[in-house]
Amino acid sequence: MSTDGPGCRCIVCHDYGDRDEWDAMDRHTVEHVGSRGWSVKMIPEDDLGPGFAYTVGLWHTYRSPELAMFGLDIHLMHELLNRLGDGVAAGEPVEAEQERHDLIARHPVVLKQVDVRWYREFFGQAIAFYRRPPFPVLEVVWPDPDGRFPWHPDYAEQYRELQPSLWLWPGDQRDLSPSH
């Protein structure tokens, strides 16, 4: 599906006059979006937090939310996000609160709408591509080994730091009641 309509403000659809200033990452992203429909950005674990990966281009190409995943091996997250992207390309929608059973063996994942106040902290390359929100992002949330999600009261604590709860307002990170 083409997104050359007025809704997309990305660097492919609009010339902002700075294309000669694009760095290798910008060019790589545009090439991937042009050939595949999206690109997956992988950010390795560091002293500041867990590794994560997210898509750039699903909104441009398919008007589908971008996807983000945290806390697993970045290459595995790359593969899982590409699988979800392949589904989007085949016409399978992704949406907030959707439970998926086709991604991780024996456990579902849940897609949660990311609060826009997290975008600058985690999705800088997407902001550079789209130039500004709004572009929707869904966090792909995986359960602990017992199948419990972060909003469950018995969720295994050792996994809590691996997945930030980006569906919550940044000040509410500790309030993980099921109503959220």
N, C-alpha and C. Protein backbone atom coordinates (compact mmCIF):
# COMPACT_ATOMS: atom_id res chain seq x y z
N MET A 1 0.85 -1.17 0.00
CA MET A 1 0.00 0.00 0.00
C MET A 1 0.89 1.23 0.00
N SER A 2 0.62 2.14 -0.85
CA SER A 2 1.39 3.37 -0.93
C SER A 2 0.87 4.38 0.08
N THR A 3 1.76 5.19 0.58
CA THR A 3 1.36 6.22 1.54
C THR A 3 1.76 7.60 1.06
N ASP A 4 1.74 7.80 -0.22
CA ASP A 4 2.16 9.09 -0.74
C ASP A 4 1.14 10.18 -0.49
N GLY A 5 0.07 9.86 0.22
CA GLY A 5 -0.96 10.83 0.53
C GLY A 5 -0.49 11.86 1.54
N PRO A 6 -1.38 12.78 1.90
CA PRO A 6 -0.99 13.89 2.76
C PRO A 6 -0.66 13.49 4.19
N GLY A 7 -1.01 12.27 4.63
CA GLY A 7 -0.80 11.88 6.02
C GLY A 7 0.63 11.61 6.39
N CYS A 8 1.46 11.16 5.47
CA CYS A 8 2.83 10.77 5.81
C CYS A 8 3.77 11.96 5.65
N ARG A 9 4.51 12.27 6.70
CA ARG A 9 5.45 13.39 6.68
C ARG A 9 6.89 12.90 6.73
N CYS A 10 7.13 11.67 6.29
CA CYS A 10 8.46 11.09 6.40
C CYS A 10 9.42 11.68 5.37
N ILE A 11 10.69 11.33 5.50
CA ILE A 11 11.73 11.87 4.63
C ILE A 11 11.68 11.27 3.22
N VAL A 12 10.90 10.22 3.02
CA VAL A 12 10.70 9.68 1.68
C VAL A 12 9.63 10.48 0.96
N CYS A 13 8.53 10.77 1.66
CA CYS A 13 7.39 11.45 1.06
C CYS A 13 7.60 12.96 0.91
N HIS A 14 8.47 13.54 1.71
CA HIS A 14 8.69 14.98 1.67
C HIS A 14 10.17 15.29 1.65
N ASP A 15 10.55 16.21 0.78
CA ASP A 15 11.93 16.67 0.73
C ASP A 15 12.04 17.86 1.67
N TYR A 16 12.74 17.67 2.76
CA TYR A 16 12.91 18.73 3.74
C TYR A 16 14.12 19.61 3.44
N GLY A 17 14.73 19.38 2.27
CA GLY A 17 15.86 20.19 1.86
C GLY A 17 17.19 19.79 2.49
N ASP A 18 17.21 18.64 3.15
CA ASP A 18 18.46 18.23 3.81
C ASP A 18 18.92 16.83 3.38
N ARG A 19 18.44 16.36 2.26
CA ARG A 19 18.81 15.01 1.82
C ARG A 19 20.32 14.87 1.60
N ASP A 20 20.97 15.95 1.23
CA ASP A 20 22.43 15.88 1.05
C ASP A 20 23.16 15.75 2.39
N GLU A 21 22.45 15.94 3.48
CA GLU A 21 23.03 15.83 4.82
C GLU A 21 22.74 14.48 5.49
N TRP A 22 21.99 13.62 4.81
CA TRP A 22 21.67 12.32 5.40
C TRP A 22 22.95 11.55 5.69
N ASP A 23 22.97 10.87 6.83
CA ASP A 23 24.12 10.02 7.13
C ASP A 23 23.84 8.60 6.64
N ALA A 24 24.79 7.71 6.86
CA ALA A 24 24.65 6.33 6.37
C ALA A 24 23.42 5.65 6.96
N MET A 25 23.09 5.94 8.21
CA MET A 25 21.93 5.33 8.84
C MET A 25 20.64 5.79 8.16
N ASP A 26 20.54 7.08 7.85
CA ASP A 26 19.36 7.60 7.15
C ASP A 26 19.21 6.91 5.79
N ARG A 27 20.31 6.83 5.04
CA ARG A 27 20.26 6.20 3.72
C ARG A 27 19.89 4.72 3.82
N HIS A 28 20.47 4.04 4.79
CA HIS A 28 20.18 2.62 5.01
C HIS A 28 18.70 2.41 5.32
N THR A 29 18.15 3.25 6.19
CA THR A 29 16.73 3.15 6.54
C THR A 29 15.86 3.36 5.31
N VAL A 30 16.14 4.40 4.54
CA VAL A 30 15.35 4.69 3.34
C VAL A 30 15.45 3.54 2.34
N GLU A 31 16.64 2.97 2.18
CA GLU A 31 16.81 1.82 1.27
C GLU A 31 16.00 0.62 1.73
N HIS A 32 16.06 0.30 3.03
CA HIS A 32 15.28 -0.84 3.56
C HIS A 32 13.78 -0.60 3.42
N VAL A 33 13.34 0.60 3.75
CA VAL A 33 11.91 0.90 3.62
C VAL A 33 11.49 0.79 2.16
N GLY A 34 12.33 1.25 1.25
CA GLY A 34 12.00 1.16 -0.17
C GLY A 34 11.97 -0.26 -0.69
N SER A 35 12.85 -1.11 -0.20
CA SER A 35 12.91 -2.48 -0.72
C SER A 35 12.02 -3.46 0.03
N ARG A 36 11.91 -3.31 1.35
CA ARG A 36 11.14 -4.28 2.13
C ARG A 36 9.83 -3.71 2.66
N GLY A 37 9.80 -2.42 2.87
CA GLY A 37 8.61 -1.79 3.44
C GLY A 37 8.87 -1.26 4.84
N TRP A 38 9.92 -1.73 5.48
CA TRP A 38 10.29 -1.28 6.82
C TRP A 38 11.74 -1.65 7.07
N SER A 39 12.28 -1.10 8.13
CA SER A 39 13.62 -1.42 8.60
C SER A 39 13.50 -1.73 10.09
N VAL A 40 14.36 -2.59 10.60
CA VAL A 40 14.38 -2.87 12.04
C VAL A 40 15.67 -2.29 12.61
N LYS A 41 15.51 -1.46 13.62
CA LYS A 41 16.65 -0.86 14.31
C LYS A 41 16.93 -1.67 15.57
N MET A 42 18.18 -2.05 15.77
CA MET A 42 18.57 -2.84 16.94
C MET A 42 19.50 -2.02 17.82
N ILE A 43 19.15 -1.91 19.09
CA ILE A 43 19.94 -1.16 20.05
C ILE A 43 20.40 -2.15 21.11
N PRO A 44 21.70 -2.43 21.21
CA PRO A 44 22.18 -3.43 22.16
C PRO A 44 22.04 -2.97 23.61
N GLU A 45 22.00 -3.94 24.49
CA GLU A 45 21.98 -3.67 25.93
C GLU A 45 23.21 -2.85 26.30
N ASP A 46 23.04 -1.93 27.25
CA ASP A 46 24.17 -1.16 27.76
C ASP A 46 23.93 -0.85 29.22
N ASP A 47 24.75 0.02 29.80
CA ASP A 47 24.62 0.36 31.22
C ASP A 47 23.31 1.07 31.53
N LEU A 48 22.68 1.65 30.51
CA LEU A 48 21.45 2.40 30.72
C LEU A 48 20.20 1.53 30.67
N GLY A 49 20.30 0.35 30.06
CA GLY A 49 19.09 -0.47 29.99
C GLY A 49 19.23 -1.67 29.07
N PRO A 50 18.13 -2.38 28.92
CA PRO A 50 18.13 -3.60 28.11
C PRO A 50 18.23 -3.29 26.62
N GLY A 51 18.64 -4.28 25.87
CA GLY A 51 18.62 -4.14 24.42
C GLY A 51 17.18 -4.07 23.94
N PHE A 52 17.00 -3.44 22.79
CA PHE A 52 15.66 -3.38 22.21
C PHE A 52 15.76 -3.23 20.71
N ALA A 53 14.65 -3.44 20.06
CA ALA A 53 14.57 -3.30 18.61
C ALA A 53 13.22 -2.70 18.26
N TYR A 54 13.18 -1.97 17.16
CA TYR A 54 11.90 -1.40 16.72
C TYR A 54 11.92 -1.20 15.22
N THR A 55 10.73 -1.13 14.67
CA THR A 55 10.59 -0.95 13.23
C THR A 55 10.51 0.54 12.89
N VAL A 56 10.91 0.83 11.67
CA VAL A 56 10.72 2.15 11.07
C VAL A 56 10.23 1.89 9.65
N GLY A 57 9.07 2.41 9.30
CA GLY A 57 8.58 2.29 7.94
C GLY A 57 7.23 1.60 7.80
N LEU A 58 6.80 0.84 8.81
CA LEU A 58 5.49 0.19 8.70
C LEU A 58 4.38 1.22 8.54
N TRP A 59 4.49 2.33 9.26
CA TRP A 59 3.48 3.38 9.15
C TRP A 59 3.51 4.00 7.76
N HIS A 60 4.69 4.27 7.25
CA HIS A 60 4.84 4.85 5.91
C HIS A 60 4.27 3.92 4.84
N THR A 61 4.65 2.66 4.88
CA THR A 61 4.33 1.73 3.80
C THR A 61 2.93 1.15 3.90
N TYR A 62 2.49 0.82 5.11
CA TYR A 62 1.23 0.08 5.28
C TYR A 62 0.21 0.79 6.16
N ARG A 63 0.54 1.96 6.68
CA ARG A 63 -0.31 2.65 7.65
C ARG A 63 -0.60 1.74 8.84
N SER A 64 0.41 0.98 9.21
CA SER A 64 0.35 0.09 10.36
C SER A 64 1.26 0.65 11.44
N PRO A 65 0.90 0.48 12.70
CA PRO A 65 1.78 0.98 13.76
C PRO A 65 3.18 0.39 13.67
N GLU A 66 4.16 1.18 14.06
CA GLU A 66 5.51 0.67 14.24
C GLU A 66 5.49 -0.27 15.44
N LEU A 67 6.47 -1.15 15.54
CA LEU A 67 6.51 -2.16 16.59
C LEU A 67 7.84 -2.07 17.33
N ALA A 68 7.80 -2.26 18.65
CA ALA A 68 9.01 -2.23 19.47
C ALA A 68 9.01 -3.41 20.42
N MET A 69 10.18 -3.90 20.72
CA MET A 69 10.31 -5.06 21.60
C MET A 69 11.57 -4.87 22.44
N PHE A 70 11.53 -5.28 23.69
CA PHE A 70 12.62 -5.06 24.64
C PHE A 70 13.03 -6.34 25.34
N GLY A 71 14.30 -6.38 25.77
CA GLY A 71 14.76 -7.35 26.75
C GLY A 71 15.18 -8.72 26.30
N LEU A 72 15.00 -9.07 25.05
CA LEU A 72 15.47 -10.35 24.54
C LEU A 72 16.75 -10.10 23.73
N ASP A 73 17.35 -11.14 23.21
CA ASP A 73 18.50 -10.99 22.32
C ASP A 73 18.09 -10.10 21.14
N ILE A 74 18.91 -9.11 20.79
CA ILE A 74 18.49 -8.17 19.75
C ILE A 74 18.29 -8.84 18.39
N HIS A 75 19.04 -9.89 18.12
CA HIS A 75 18.87 -10.59 16.84
C HIS A 75 17.57 -11.37 16.81
N LEU A 76 17.18 -11.93 17.96
CA LEU A 76 15.88 -12.61 18.06
C LEU A 76 14.76 -11.59 17.89
N MET A 77 14.88 -10.43 18.55
CA MET A 77 13.85 -9.41 18.41
C MET A 77 13.76 -8.93 16.97
N HIS A 78 14.90 -8.81 16.29
CA HIS A 78 14.92 -8.44 14.87
C HIS A 78 14.10 -9.44 14.07
N GLU A 79 14.34 -10.72 14.31
CA GLU A 79 13.60 -11.77 13.60
C GLU A 79 12.11 -11.72 13.91
N LEU A 80 11.76 -11.55 15.19
CA LEU A 80 10.35 -11.52 15.58
C LEU A 80 9.63 -10.31 14.99
N LEU A 81 10.27 -9.15 15.01
CA LEU A 81 9.65 -7.96 14.43
C LEU A 81 9.50 -8.10 12.92
N ASN A 82 10.48 -8.72 12.27
CA ASN A 82 10.33 -8.97 10.84
C ASN A 82 9.18 -9.93 10.56
N ARG A 83 8.99 -10.93 11.42
CA ARG A 83 7.84 -11.83 11.23
C ARG A 83 6.53 -11.07 11.35
N LEU A 84 6.43 -10.21 12.34
CA LEU A 84 5.22 -9.39 12.46
C LEU A 84 5.08 -8.47 11.26
N GLY A 85 6.18 -7.88 10.80
CA GLY A 85 6.14 -7.02 9.62
C GLY A 85 5.71 -7.78 8.38
N ASP A 86 6.19 -9.02 8.23
CA ASP A 86 5.75 -9.85 7.10
C ASP A 86 4.24 -10.08 7.15
N GLY A 87 3.72 -10.27 8.36
CA GLY A 87 2.27 -10.43 8.51
C GLY A 87 1.53 -9.17 8.11
N VAL A 88 2.03 -8.02 8.54
CA VAL A 88 1.42 -6.74 8.15
C VAL A 88 1.42 -6.62 6.63
N ALA A 89 2.55 -6.94 6.01
CA ALA A 89 2.65 -6.85 4.55
C ALA A 89 1.66 -7.79 3.86
N ALA A 90 1.33 -8.90 4.53
CA ALA A 90 0.38 -9.86 3.97
C ALA A 90 -1.07 -9.52 4.32
N GLY A 91 -1.27 -8.38 5.00
CA GLY A 91 -2.63 -7.94 5.31
C GLY A 91 -3.12 -8.29 6.70
N GLU A 92 -2.26 -8.80 7.58
CA GLU A 92 -2.65 -9.12 8.96
C GLU A 92 -2.46 -7.87 9.82
N PRO A 93 -3.52 -7.33 10.35
CA PRO A 93 -3.39 -6.11 11.14
C PRO A 93 -2.74 -6.36 12.50
N VAL A 94 -2.06 -5.35 13.01
CA VAL A 94 -1.57 -5.34 14.38
C VAL A 94 -2.26 -4.15 15.05
N GLU A 95 -2.71 -4.37 16.27
CA GLU A 95 -3.41 -3.29 16.97
C GLU A 95 -3.24 -3.42 18.47
N ALA A 96 -3.46 -2.32 19.17
CA ALA A 96 -3.31 -2.29 20.61
C ALA A 96 -4.23 -3.31 21.27
N GLU A 97 -3.70 -3.94 22.31
CA GLU A 97 -4.37 -4.95 23.13
C GLU A 97 -4.55 -6.29 22.41
N GLN A 98 -3.99 -6.41 21.24
CA GLN A 98 -4.06 -7.67 20.51
C GLN A 98 -3.16 -8.70 21.18
N GLU A 99 -3.69 -9.90 21.39
CA GLU A 99 -2.90 -11.01 21.90
C GLU A 99 -2.53 -11.89 20.72
N ARG A 100 -1.23 -12.16 20.59
CA ARG A 100 -0.74 -12.95 19.46
C ARG A 100 -0.15 -14.26 19.98
N HIS A 101 -0.48 -15.35 19.31
CA HIS A 101 0.03 -16.67 19.70
C HIS A 101 0.97 -17.23 18.64
N ASP A 102 1.35 -16.42 17.68
CA ASP A 102 2.13 -16.90 16.54
C ASP A 102 3.56 -16.39 16.52
N LEU A 103 4.05 -15.91 17.65
CA LEU A 103 5.38 -15.29 17.65
C LEU A 103 6.40 -16.06 18.48
N ILE A 104 6.06 -16.36 19.72
CA ILE A 104 6.97 -17.06 20.64
C ILE A 104 6.32 -18.39 21.00
N ALA A 105 7.06 -19.46 20.86
CA ALA A 105 6.53 -20.80 21.14
C ALA A 105 5.99 -20.90 22.57
N ARG A 106 4.83 -21.46 22.69
CA ARG A 106 4.18 -21.78 23.97
C ARG A 106 3.71 -20.57 24.78
N HIS A 107 3.93 -19.37 24.29
CA HIS A 107 3.50 -18.19 25.05
C HIS A 107 2.96 -17.13 24.10
N PRO A 108 1.88 -16.47 24.50
CA PRO A 108 1.39 -15.35 23.70
C PRO A 108 2.22 -14.10 23.97
N VAL A 109 2.08 -13.12 23.12
CA VAL A 109 2.57 -11.77 23.38
C VAL A 109 1.35 -10.85 23.30
N VAL A 110 1.46 -9.70 23.91
CA VAL A 110 0.39 -8.71 23.86
C VAL A 110 0.98 -7.41 23.31
N LEU A 111 0.24 -6.78 22.40
CA LEU A 111 0.67 -5.51 21.82
C LEU A 111 0.02 -4.37 22.59
N LYS A 112 0.85 -3.47 23.09
CA LYS A 112 0.38 -2.35 23.90
C LYS A 112 0.75 -1.03 23.24
N GLN A 113 -0.18 -0.08 23.21
CA GLN A 113 0.04 1.24 22.62
C GLN A 113 1.06 2.02 23.45
N VAL A 114 2.14 2.46 22.83
CA VAL A 114 3.18 3.21 23.52
C VAL A 114 2.71 4.65 23.71
N ASP A 115 2.87 5.15 24.93
CA ASP A 115 2.58 6.55 25.23
C ASP A 115 3.59 7.42 24.49
N VAL A 116 3.11 8.43 23.79
CA VAL A 116 3.96 9.29 22.95
C VAL A 116 5.07 9.97 23.75
N ARG A 117 4.90 10.10 25.06
CA ARG A 117 5.94 10.75 25.87
C ARG A 117 7.22 9.93 25.97
N TRP A 118 7.18 8.68 25.53
CA TRP A 118 8.38 7.84 25.51
C TRP A 118 9.15 7.94 24.19
N TYR A 119 8.58 8.52 23.16
CA TYR A 119 9.18 8.46 21.83
C TYR A 119 10.61 8.99 21.79
N ARG A 120 10.84 10.15 22.37
CA ARG A 120 12.18 10.75 22.29
C ARG A 120 13.24 9.88 22.97
N GLU A 121 12.86 9.22 24.04
CA GLU A 121 13.82 8.40 24.78
C GLU A 121 14.22 7.14 24.01
N PHE A 122 13.28 6.55 23.26
CA PHE A 122 13.54 5.25 22.65
C PHE A 122 13.53 5.21 21.13
N PHE A 123 12.86 6.13 20.47
CA PHE A 123 12.61 5.98 19.03
C PHE A 123 13.18 7.12 18.19
N GLY A 124 14.40 7.52 18.50
CA GLY A 124 15.02 8.64 17.80
C GLY A 124 15.14 8.44 16.30
N GLN A 125 15.46 7.23 15.86
CA GLN A 125 15.60 7.00 14.43
C GLN A 125 14.25 7.07 13.72
N ALA A 126 13.19 6.68 14.41
CA ALA A 126 11.85 6.81 13.82
C ALA A 126 11.46 8.28 13.74
N ILE A 127 11.78 9.05 14.76
CA ILE A 127 11.50 10.48 14.72
C ILE A 127 12.28 11.13 13.58
N ALA A 128 13.54 10.74 13.39
CA ALA A 128 14.33 11.28 12.29
C ALA A 128 13.71 10.93 10.94
N PHE A 129 13.13 9.75 10.83
CA PHE A 129 12.51 9.32 9.58
C PHE A 129 11.18 10.04 9.35
N TYR A 130 10.33 10.09 10.36
CA TYR A 130 9.01 10.71 10.21
C TYR A 130 9.02 12.21 10.48
N ARG A 131 10.08 12.69 11.07
CA ARG A 131 10.30 14.08 11.42
C ARG A 131 9.50 14.55 12.62
N ARG A 132 8.40 13.92 12.88
CA ARG A 132 7.62 14.29 14.07
C ARG A 132 6.49 13.30 14.25
N PRO A 133 6.09 13.12 15.50
CA PRO A 133 4.87 12.34 15.71
C PRO A 133 3.70 13.12 15.12
N PRO A 134 2.57 12.57 14.86
CA PRO A 134 2.18 11.26 15.35
C PRO A 134 2.48 10.14 14.35
N PHE A 135 3.06 9.12 14.86
CA PHE A 135 3.12 7.82 14.20
C PHE A 135 2.95 6.83 15.34
N PRO A 136 2.04 5.91 15.22
CA PRO A 136 1.76 5.01 16.34
C PRO A 136 2.85 3.95 16.51
N VAL A 137 3.10 3.59 17.76
CA VAL A 137 4.05 2.53 18.09
C VAL A 137 3.38 1.58 19.07
N LEU A 138 3.52 0.28 18.82
CA LEU A 138 3.03 -0.75 19.73
C LEU A 138 4.22 -1.48 20.34
N GLU A 139 4.19 -1.65 21.66
CA GLU A 139 5.21 -2.46 22.32
C GLU A 139 4.75 -3.91 22.30
N VAL A 140 5.63 -4.80 21.85
CA VAL A 140 5.36 -6.24 21.83
C VAL A 140 5.83 -6.76 23.18
N VAL A 141 4.88 -7.08 24.07
CA VAL A 141 5.18 -7.46 25.44
C VAL A 141 5.13 -8.97 25.57
N TRP A 142 6.21 -9.55 26.10
CA TRP A 142 6.29 -11.00 26.26
C TRP A 142 6.13 -11.35 27.74
N PRO A 143 5.67 -12.56 28.02
CA PRO A 143 5.42 -12.97 29.40
C PRO A 143 6.67 -13.57 30.06
N ASP A 144 6.59 -13.74 31.37
CA ASP A 144 7.64 -14.48 32.07
C ASP A 144 7.47 -15.97 31.76
N PRO A 145 8.37 -16.83 32.22
CA PRO A 145 8.28 -18.26 31.88
C PRO A 145 6.97 -18.94 32.31
N ASP A 146 6.28 -18.34 33.29
CA ASP A 146 5.00 -18.90 33.73
C ASP A 146 3.81 -18.30 32.98
N GLY A 147 4.08 -17.50 31.95
CA GLY A 147 3.01 -16.95 31.12
C GLY A 147 2.36 -15.70 31.66
N ARG A 148 2.96 -15.08 32.68
CA ARG A 148 2.39 -13.86 33.27
C ARG A 148 3.03 -12.62 32.64
N PHE A 149 2.22 -11.60 32.45
CA PHE A 149 2.68 -10.35 31.85
C PHE A 149 3.03 -9.34 32.95
N PRO A 150 3.75 -8.27 32.60
CA PRO A 150 4.18 -7.30 33.62
C PRO A 150 3.05 -6.71 34.47
N TRP A 151 1.84 -6.66 33.97
CA TRP A 151 0.74 -6.09 34.74
C TRP A 151 0.12 -7.11 35.69
N HIS A 152 0.57 -8.35 35.66
CA HIS A 152 0.08 -9.38 36.57
C HIS A 152 0.82 -9.23 37.91
N PRO A 153 0.10 -9.33 39.04
CA PRO A 153 0.77 -9.11 40.33
C PRO A 153 1.89 -10.11 40.63
N ASP A 154 1.86 -11.29 40.06
CA ASP A 154 2.89 -12.30 40.32
C ASP A 154 3.94 -12.39 39.22
N TYR A 155 4.02 -11.38 38.37
CA TYR A 155 5.03 -11.36 37.31
C TYR A 155 6.42 -11.48 37.93
N ALA A 156 7.28 -12.29 37.35
CA ALA A 156 8.63 -12.51 37.89
C ALA A 156 9.44 -11.22 37.87
N GLU A 157 9.86 -10.78 39.04
CA GLU A 157 10.57 -9.50 39.19
C GLU A 157 11.82 -9.39 38.33
N GLN A 158 12.54 -10.50 38.13
CA GLN A 158 13.80 -10.41 37.38
C GLN A 158 13.59 -10.01 35.93
N TYR A 159 12.35 -10.09 35.44
CA TYR A 159 12.07 -9.70 34.06
C TYR A 159 11.54 -8.27 33.94
N ARG A 160 11.15 -7.69 35.07
CA ARG A 160 10.52 -6.37 35.04
C ARG A 160 11.43 -5.30 34.45
N GLU A 161 12.72 -5.36 34.75
CA GLU A 161 13.66 -4.36 34.25
C GLU A 161 13.99 -4.55 32.77
N LEU A 162 13.64 -5.71 32.22
CA LEU A 162 13.95 -5.99 30.81
C LEU A 162 12.94 -5.38 29.85
N GLN A 163 11.73 -5.09 30.36
CA GLN A 163 10.67 -4.55 29.51
C GLN A 163 10.08 -3.31 30.15
N PRO A 164 10.44 -2.13 29.69
CA PRO A 164 9.78 -0.95 30.23
C PRO A 164 8.31 -0.96 29.83
N SER A 165 7.48 -0.46 30.69
CA SER A 165 6.04 -0.43 30.44
C SER A 165 5.69 0.86 29.70
N LEU A 166 5.99 0.90 28.42
CA LEU A 166 5.84 2.13 27.65
C LEU A 166 4.39 2.51 27.38
N TRP A 167 3.46 1.65 27.70
CA TRP A 167 2.05 1.99 27.54
C TRP A 167 1.59 2.89 28.68
N LEU A 168 2.40 2.99 29.73
CA LEU A 168 2.08 3.85 30.86
C LEU A 168 2.75 5.21 30.70
N TRP A 169 2.14 6.22 31.28
CA TRP A 169 2.76 7.53 31.36
C TRP A 169 4.09 7.36 32.09
N PRO A 170 5.16 8.04 31.68
CA PRO A 170 6.47 7.82 32.30
C PRO A 170 6.49 7.90 33.83
N GLY A 171 5.66 8.72 34.43
CA GLY A 171 5.63 8.82 35.89
C GLY A 171 4.91 7.68 36.58
N ASP A 172 4.23 6.83 35.83
CA ASP A 172 3.43 5.74 36.40
C ASP A 172 4.07 4.37 36.22
N GLN A 173 5.35 4.28 36.06
CA GLN A 173 5.99 3.00 35.76
C GLN A 173 5.77 1.94 36.84
N ARG A 174 5.55 2.29 38.05
CA ARG A 174 5.36 1.29 39.11
C ARG A 174 3.90 0.86 39.26
N ASP A 175 2.99 1.61 38.67
CA ASP A 175 1.57 1.26 38.77
C ASP A 175 1.22 0.32 37.62
N LEU A 176 1.38 -0.98 37.85
CA LEU A 176 1.15 -1.96 36.80
C LEU A 176 -0.10 -2.78 37.07
N SER A 177 -1.12 -2.15 37.60
CA SER A 177 -2.36 -2.88 37.85
C SER A 177 -2.99 -3.29 36.53
N PRO A 178 -3.78 -4.38 36.52
CA PRO A 178 -4.39 -4.86 35.29
C PRO A 178 -5.28 -3.84 34.59
N SER A 179 -5.72 -2.80 35.27
CA SER A 179 -6.59 -1.80 34.63
C SER A 179 -5.83 -0.95 33.63
N HIS A 180 -4.51 -1.03 33.64
CA HIS A 180 -3.71 -0.25 32.70
C HIS A 180 -3.41 -1.08 31.50
